[in-house]
Amino acid sequence: KSAEVRIAAAIYLLSALVILWMFFDIWGNLRRFSRLARDIRTGNAGGLSFADQNRVPEISGIATEFDRLVLGLRASARSIREAAEENAHALKGPLAVISQSVEPLKRIVSDGNEAGRAIARIVRSTERLDSLVSASRQLDNATAELMEAPEERVDLSTLTKSLSESFARNHEPLDLHILLNIDAGIFAWGSEVLFETVIENVLENAVSYSPNGGTISVSLRRDGGVAILKIADQGPGVAPADLNRIFERYFTDRQPLEIAVNGEDVTAHYGIGLWIVRRNLEVLGGNAEARNLPDSGFELKLRIPLAG
């Protein structure tokens, strides 16, 4: 009941209220930062910045640094894409000149002598360099996609069915059969571009292993909170020791295989397709596994988190 105790209690109560106010103010500010970060990731920020959303002067410096970080990532992704296109253009020009210059020599030099064999090596090396340039551009573009890919609700069922049917049409010379077993209405959060890259690379892997007239099985189903996508072929499979290595960058155990894709011959494999598959899935919260089938053939199993 003394005045001193009452004054002390009032001071403590006021201090508690001030602390609670600061707590909820900072908490609300962090919630705004969280929503903005999600909108930036999904491409729905609409020009807003962390500095715009900040209501706490004490952390204005942090908000400014976040904005600089976002701008830096966007600039890096843009620079990677531009460099990929510029480098590919700069390298493909001289390669085209070499190829054109060799053509007249091929008509006047016999294949059986040393000069003919040297020209054949030049042609093969030029084609290989051209394929390597394309592969390098694909790697750079895939890296840029990961840095700025929006997150959206993607219809995996429709996308998988569409891409599988498209592959069947584009590889008609191999007389492949695509067997589909796809559950409808399976959705996942992510980027349609990234999912498309994943599915296309796995299908391309199956096509390159498949014998003429073979069957490629594509199944998509729910399993708890994840989607299970399995793509299996009737090819020779992979050496057991290499099952984990096939996801490493530049690893391949395949011989070049000539197939027609959209009117063009694909004659080389450089071991980047499955590396991109695993990397993209890990960014999206999933993973990839490989196994040889009991009788014959090979299967890739992808786990993809479902959208709520």
Protein backbone atom coordinates (compact mmCIF):
# COMPACT_ATOMS: atom_id res chain seq x y z
CA LYS A 1 0.00 0.00 0.00
CA SER A 2 2.99 2.35 0.17
CA ALA A 3 3.49 4.96 -2.53
CA GLU A 4 6.94 3.63 -3.39
CA VAL A 5 5.62 0.14 -4.13
CA ARG A 6 2.78 1.54 -6.21
CA ILE A 7 5.18 3.67 -8.26
CA ALA A 8 7.50 0.68 -8.78
CA ALA A 9 4.56 -1.52 -9.82
CA ALA A 10 3.40 1.13 -12.28
CA ILE A 11 6.90 1.38 -13.76
CA TYR A 12 7.15 -2.42 -14.10
CA LEU A 13 3.70 -2.58 -15.68
CA LEU A 14 4.55 0.19 -18.13
CA SER A 15 7.84 -1.55 -18.99
CA ALA A 16 6.00 -4.81 -19.61
CA LEU A 17 3.50 -3.06 -21.88
CA VAL A 18 6.31 -1.37 -23.82
CA ILE A 19 8.11 -4.72 -24.25
CA LEU A 20 4.91 -6.40 -25.40
CA TRP A 21 4.24 -3.58 -27.86
CA MET A 22 7.77 -3.84 -29.26
CA PHE A 23 7.45 -7.62 -29.50
CA PHE A 24 4.19 -7.52 -31.45
CA ASP A 25 5.47 -4.66 -33.62
CA ILE A 26 8.61 -6.59 -34.58
CA TRP A 27 6.61 -9.82 -34.96
CA GLY A 28 4.17 -8.09 -37.31
CA ASN A 29 7.06 -6.64 -39.27
CA LEU A 30 8.67 -10.06 -39.68
CA ARG A 31 5.32 -11.45 -40.84
CA ARG A 32 5.20 -8.75 -43.53
CA PHE A 33 8.78 -9.65 -44.52
CA SER A 34 7.78 -13.32 -44.74
CA ARG A 35 4.79 -12.58 -46.98
CA LEU A 36 6.89 -10.34 -49.20
CA ALA A 37 9.64 -12.98 -49.49
CA ARG A 38 7.02 -15.52 -50.58
CA ASP A 39 5.57 -13.05 -53.10
CA ILE A 40 9.03 -12.32 -54.50
CA ARG A 41 9.70 -16.05 -54.87
CA THR A 42 6.36 -16.59 -56.62
CA GLY A 43 6.67 -13.51 -58.82
CA ASN A 44 3.74 -11.69 -57.18
CA ALA A 45 5.59 -8.92 -55.33
CA GLY A 46 4.32 -6.25 -57.69
CA GLY A 47 7.31 -3.95 -57.21
CA LEU A 48 7.12 -3.93 -53.38
CA SER A 49 10.34 -3.94 -51.40
CA PHE A 50 11.36 -4.87 -47.85
CA ALA A 51 11.94 -1.19 -47.14
CA ASP A 52 8.32 -0.47 -48.15
CA GLN A 53 7.04 -3.14 -45.75
CA ASN A 54 9.26 -2.16 -42.81
CA ARG A 55 7.58 -0.39 -39.85
CA VAL A 56 10.43 -0.65 -37.36
CA PRO A 57 13.10 2.05 -37.85
CA GLU A 58 15.68 0.02 -35.93
CA ILE A 59 15.81 -2.67 -38.66
CA SER A 60 15.61 -0.39 -41.68
CA GLY A 61 19.21 -1.29 -42.50
CA ILE A 62 18.29 -4.99 -42.62
CA ALA A 63 15.36 -4.25 -44.94
CA THR A 64 17.63 -2.30 -47.26
CA GLU A 65 20.18 -5.14 -47.40
CA PHE A 66 17.38 -7.63 -48.19
CA ASP A 67 16.32 -5.44 -51.11
CA ARG A 68 19.90 -5.29 -52.37
CA LEU A 69 20.17 -9.07 -52.08
CA VAL A 70 17.01 -9.57 -54.18
CA LEU A 71 18.22 -7.12 -56.82
CA GLY A 72 21.60 -8.86 -56.88
CA LEU A 73 20.02 -12.30 -57.42
CA ARG A 74 17.83 -11.00 -60.23
CA ALA A 75 20.78 -9.27 -61.87
CA SER A 76 22.87 -12.45 -61.55
CA ALA A 77 20.16 -14.60 -63.14
CA ARG A 78 19.81 -12.11 -65.98
CA SER A 79 23.58 -11.96 -66.49
CA ILE A 80 23.85 -15.76 -66.55
CA ARG A 81 21.19 -16.00 -69.27
CA GLU A 82 22.76 -13.21 -71.32
CA ALA A 83 26.23 -14.73 -71.00
CA ALA A 84 24.91 -18.16 -71.99
CA GLU A 85 23.32 -16.79 -75.16
CA GLU A 86 26.29 -14.57 -76.05
CA ASN A 87 28.84 -17.34 -75.50
CA ALA A 88 26.80 -19.84 -77.50
CA HIS A 89 26.43 -17.36 -80.37
CA ALA A 90 30.13 -16.47 -80.30
CA LEU A 91 31.24 -20.11 -80.35
CA LYS A 92 28.71 -21.47 -82.84
CA GLY A 93 29.71 -18.90 -85.47
CA PRO A 94 33.29 -20.18 -85.91
CA LEU A 95 32.09 -23.78 -85.68
CA ALA A 96 29.65 -23.17 -88.53
CA VAL A 97 32.46 -21.66 -90.61
CA ILE A 98 34.67 -24.70 -89.98
CA SER A 99 31.86 -27.08 -90.96
CA GLN A 100 31.15 -25.17 -94.18
CA SER A 101 34.84 -24.96 -95.07
CA VAL A 102 35.32 -28.70 -94.66
CA GLU A 103 32.46 -29.64 -96.99
CA PRO A 104 34.36 -28.94 -100.28
CA LEU A 105 37.36 -30.87 -98.96
CA LYS A 106 35.20 -33.92 -98.22
CA ARG A 107 34.18 -34.09 -101.90
CA ILE A 108 37.73 -34.09 -103.26
CA VAL A 109 39.55 -36.20 -100.65
CA SER A 110 39.21 -39.96 -100.43
CA ASP A 111 38.09 -41.45 -97.13
CA GLY A 112 40.71 -44.16 -97.36
CA ASN A 113 43.84 -41.99 -97.10
CA GLU A 114 45.24 -40.01 -94.18
CA ALA A 115 43.83 -36.70 -95.39
CA GLY A 116 40.34 -38.18 -95.58
CA ARG A 117 40.61 -39.60 -92.08
CA ALA A 118 41.88 -36.25 -90.79
CA ILE A 119 38.88 -34.44 -92.31
CA ALA A 120 36.54 -37.02 -90.76
CA ARG A 121 38.10 -36.34 -87.35
CA ILE A 122 37.64 -32.59 -87.86
CA VAL A 123 33.97 -33.13 -88.70
CA ARG A 124 33.37 -35.32 -85.66
CA SER A 125 35.19 -32.93 -83.35
CA THR A 126 33.27 -29.95 -84.72
CA GLU A 127 29.98 -31.72 -84.15
CA ARG A 128 31.04 -32.62 -80.63
CA LEU A 129 32.04 -29.03 -79.86
CA ASP A 130 28.71 -27.80 -81.17
CA SER A 131 26.89 -30.24 -78.87
CA LEU A 132 29.05 -29.19 -75.92
CA VAL A 133 28.20 -25.54 -76.51
CA SER A 134 24.50 -26.41 -76.48
CA ALA A 135 24.93 -28.44 -73.29
CA SER A 136 26.77 -25.57 -71.60
CA ARG A 137 23.98 -23.16 -72.52
CA GLN A 138 21.42 -25.57 -71.10
CA LEU A 139 23.34 -25.74 -67.80
CA ASP A 140 23.54 -21.96 -67.51
CA ASN A 141 19.84 -21.50 -68.28
CA ALA A 142 18.92 -24.17 -65.73
CA THR A 143 20.96 -22.32 -63.09
CA ALA A 144 19.22 -19.05 -63.90
CA GLU A 145 15.80 -20.73 -63.65
CA LEU A 146 16.57 -21.91 -60.11
CA MET A 147 17.53 -18.40 -59.04
CA GLU A 148 14.31 -16.69 -60.07
CA ALA A 149 11.72 -19.40 -60.77
CA PRO A 150 8.25 -18.45 -59.46
CA GLU A 151 6.35 -20.86 -57.24
CA GLU A 152 2.86 -21.73 -58.36
CA ARG A 153 0.33 -24.55 -58.17
CA VAL A 154 1.25 -26.86 -61.05
CA ASP A 155 -1.04 -29.58 -62.43
CA LEU A 156 1.44 -32.48 -62.56
CA SER A 157 -1.13 -34.89 -64.00
CA THR A 158 -1.83 -32.76 -67.08
CA LEU A 159 1.81 -31.77 -67.54
CA THR A 160 3.12 -35.35 -67.34
CA LYS A 161 0.47 -36.66 -69.74
CA SER A 162 1.09 -33.86 -72.26
CA LEU A 163 4.89 -34.25 -72.24
CA SER A 164 4.71 -38.06 -72.51
CA GLU A 165 2.40 -37.91 -75.51
CA SER A 166 4.61 -35.27 -77.12
CA PHE A 167 7.69 -37.49 -76.71
CA ALA A 168 5.86 -40.38 -78.35
CA ARG A 169 5.10 -38.23 -81.40
CA ASN A 170 8.60 -36.74 -81.61
CA HIS A 171 10.28 -40.16 -81.53
CA GLU A 172 8.11 -41.99 -84.05
CA PRO A 173 11.14 -43.38 -85.96
CA LEU A 174 11.97 -45.53 -82.91
CA ASP A 175 8.42 -46.95 -82.83
CA LEU A 176 8.25 -46.50 -79.05
CA HIS A 177 5.14 -47.24 -77.04
CA ILE A 178 4.29 -44.95 -74.12
CA LEU A 179 2.19 -46.69 -71.47
CA LEU A 180 0.49 -44.11 -69.22
CA ASN A 181 -0.95 -44.72 -65.75
CA ILE A 182 -1.53 -41.21 -64.43
CA ASP A 183 -3.90 -40.30 -61.60
CA ALA A 184 -5.86 -37.13 -62.26
CA GLY A 185 -5.85 -34.03 -60.08
CA ILE A 186 -2.30 -34.22 -58.70
CA PHE A 187 -0.92 -30.74 -57.98
CA ALA A 188 2.43 -29.57 -56.61
CA TRP A 189 3.91 -26.23 -55.63
CA GLY A 190 6.81 -25.12 -57.79
CA SER A 191 7.60 -23.83 -61.22
CA GLU A 192 6.05 -25.35 -64.34
CA VAL A 193 9.31 -24.63 -66.17
CA LEU A 194 11.34 -26.60 -63.60
CA PHE A 195 8.87 -29.50 -63.55
CA GLU A 196 8.86 -29.57 -67.35
CA THR A 197 12.66 -29.71 -67.41
CA VAL A 198 12.65 -32.59 -64.90
CA ILE A 199 10.06 -34.69 -66.76
CA GLU A 200 11.59 -34.04 -70.19
CA ASN A 201 15.07 -35.07 -69.05
CA VAL A 202 13.80 -38.29 -67.47
CA LEU A 203 11.79 -39.13 -70.60
CA GLU A 204 14.81 -38.37 -72.78
CA ASN A 205 16.89 -40.69 -70.61
CA ALA A 206 14.32 -43.47 -71.07
CA VAL A 207 14.18 -42.89 -74.84
CA SER A 208 17.96 -43.05 -75.22
CA TYR A 209 18.08 -46.42 -73.42
CA SER A 210 15.03 -47.95 -75.12
CA PRO A 211 15.36 -50.40 -78.02
CA ASN A 212 13.33 -49.85 -81.17
CA GLY A 213 9.75 -50.91 -80.56
CA GLY A 214 10.24 -50.82 -76.79
CA THR A 215 7.77 -49.64 -74.17
CA ILE A 216 8.24 -46.75 -71.77
CA SER A 217 5.98 -46.85 -68.71
CA VAL A 218 4.97 -43.58 -67.05
CA SER A 219 3.01 -43.64 -63.79
CA LEU A 220 1.98 -40.84 -61.43
CA ARG A 221 0.17 -41.40 -58.14
CA ARG A 222 -0.27 -39.97 -54.65
CA ASP A 223 1.51 -41.44 -51.64
CA GLY A 224 0.71 -39.52 -48.48
CA GLY A 225 1.91 -35.96 -48.93
CA VAL A 226 4.01 -36.60 -52.03
CA ALA A 227 3.48 -37.43 -55.68
CA ILE A 228 5.38 -40.47 -56.98
CA LEU A 229 6.39 -40.25 -60.63
CA LYS A 230 7.95 -43.40 -62.10
CA ILE A 231 9.37 -43.66 -65.62
CA ALA A 232 10.69 -47.05 -66.69
CA ASP A 233 12.22 -48.34 -69.92
CA GLN A 234 13.13 -51.76 -71.34
CA GLY A 235 16.77 -50.95 -71.94
CA PRO A 236 19.88 -52.71 -70.59
CA GLY A 237 19.86 -50.90 -67.25
CA VAL A 238 22.86 -49.45 -65.42
CA ALA A 239 25.79 -51.14 -63.72
CA PRO A 240 24.93 -51.42 -59.98
CA ALA A 241 28.04 -49.47 -59.03
CA ASP A 242 26.88 -46.54 -61.19
CA LEU A 243 23.30 -46.23 -59.89
CA ASN A 244 24.18 -43.28 -57.65
CA ARG A 245 26.77 -41.83 -60.00
CA ILE A 246 24.25 -41.28 -62.81
CA PHE A 247 23.07 -38.15 -60.99
CA GLU A 248 26.57 -36.64 -61.04
CA ARG A 249 27.27 -33.86 -63.49
CA TYR A 250 28.96 -35.04 -66.72
CA PHE A 251 28.76 -38.71 -65.80
CA THR A 252 27.47 -41.00 -68.54
CA ASP A 253 27.94 -44.67 -69.35
CA ARG A 254 26.21 -44.53 -72.72
CA GLN A 255 27.56 -44.67 -76.23
CA PRO A 256 26.35 -41.96 -78.62
CA LEU A 257 22.93 -42.89 -80.03
CA GLU A 258 21.53 -41.31 -83.17
CA ILE A 259 17.84 -40.48 -82.84
CA ALA A 260 15.62 -37.97 -84.60
CA VAL A 261 14.10 -35.27 -82.40
CA ASN A 262 12.01 -32.63 -84.19
CA GLY A 263 13.86 -33.35 -87.40
CA GLU A 264 17.32 -33.07 -85.82
CA ASP A 265 19.80 -35.85 -85.03
CA VAL A 266 20.89 -36.15 -81.41
CA THR A 267 24.22 -37.96 -81.41
CA ALA A 268 25.82 -37.37 -78.01
CA HIS A 269 25.18 -37.61 -74.28
CA TYR A 270 27.08 -35.44 -71.82
CA GLY A 271 25.72 -36.53 -68.46
CA ILE A 272 23.86 -33.37 -67.44
CA GLY A 273 20.21 -34.41 -67.81
CA LEU A 274 19.84 -36.45 -64.61
CA TRP A 275 22.06 -34.04 -62.69
CA ILE A 276 19.56 -31.29 -63.55
CA VAL A 277 16.69 -33.60 -62.54
CA ARG A 278 18.05 -34.22 -59.04
CA ARG A 279 19.08 -30.59 -58.51
CA ASN A 280 15.68 -29.22 -59.56
CA LEU A 281 13.82 -31.74 -57.40
CA GLU A 282 15.93 -30.93 -54.34
CA VAL A 283 15.17 -27.23 -54.80
CA LEU A 284 11.45 -28.10 -54.95
CA GLY A 285 11.71 -30.28 -51.82
CA GLY A 286 11.74 -33.66 -53.56
CA ASN A 287 14.30 -36.28 -54.57
CA ALA A 288 15.12 -38.87 -57.23
CA GLU A 289 16.09 -42.54 -57.06
CA ALA A 290 17.24 -45.01 -59.70
CA ARG A 291 17.05 -48.80 -59.85
CA ASN A 292 17.38 -51.68 -62.28
CA LEU A 293 14.17 -53.63 -62.79
CA PRO A 294 14.19 -57.35 -61.78
CA ASP A 295 13.92 -58.81 -65.28
CA SER A 296 15.28 -56.08 -67.54
CA GLY A 297 15.02 -52.36 -67.85
CA PHE A 298 15.62 -49.30 -65.73
CA GLU A 299 13.37 -47.08 -63.59
CA LEU A 300 13.66 -43.56 -62.22
CA LYS A 301 11.44 -42.75 -59.25
CA LEU A 302 10.76 -39.10 -58.43
CA ARG A 303 9.20 -37.87 -55.17
CA ILE A 304 7.53 -34.46 -55.39
CA PRO A 305 5.78 -32.71 -52.46
CA LEU A 306 2.06 -32.18 -53.12
CA ALA A 307 0.34 -28.81 -52.98
CA GLY A 308 -2.05 -28.46 -50.05
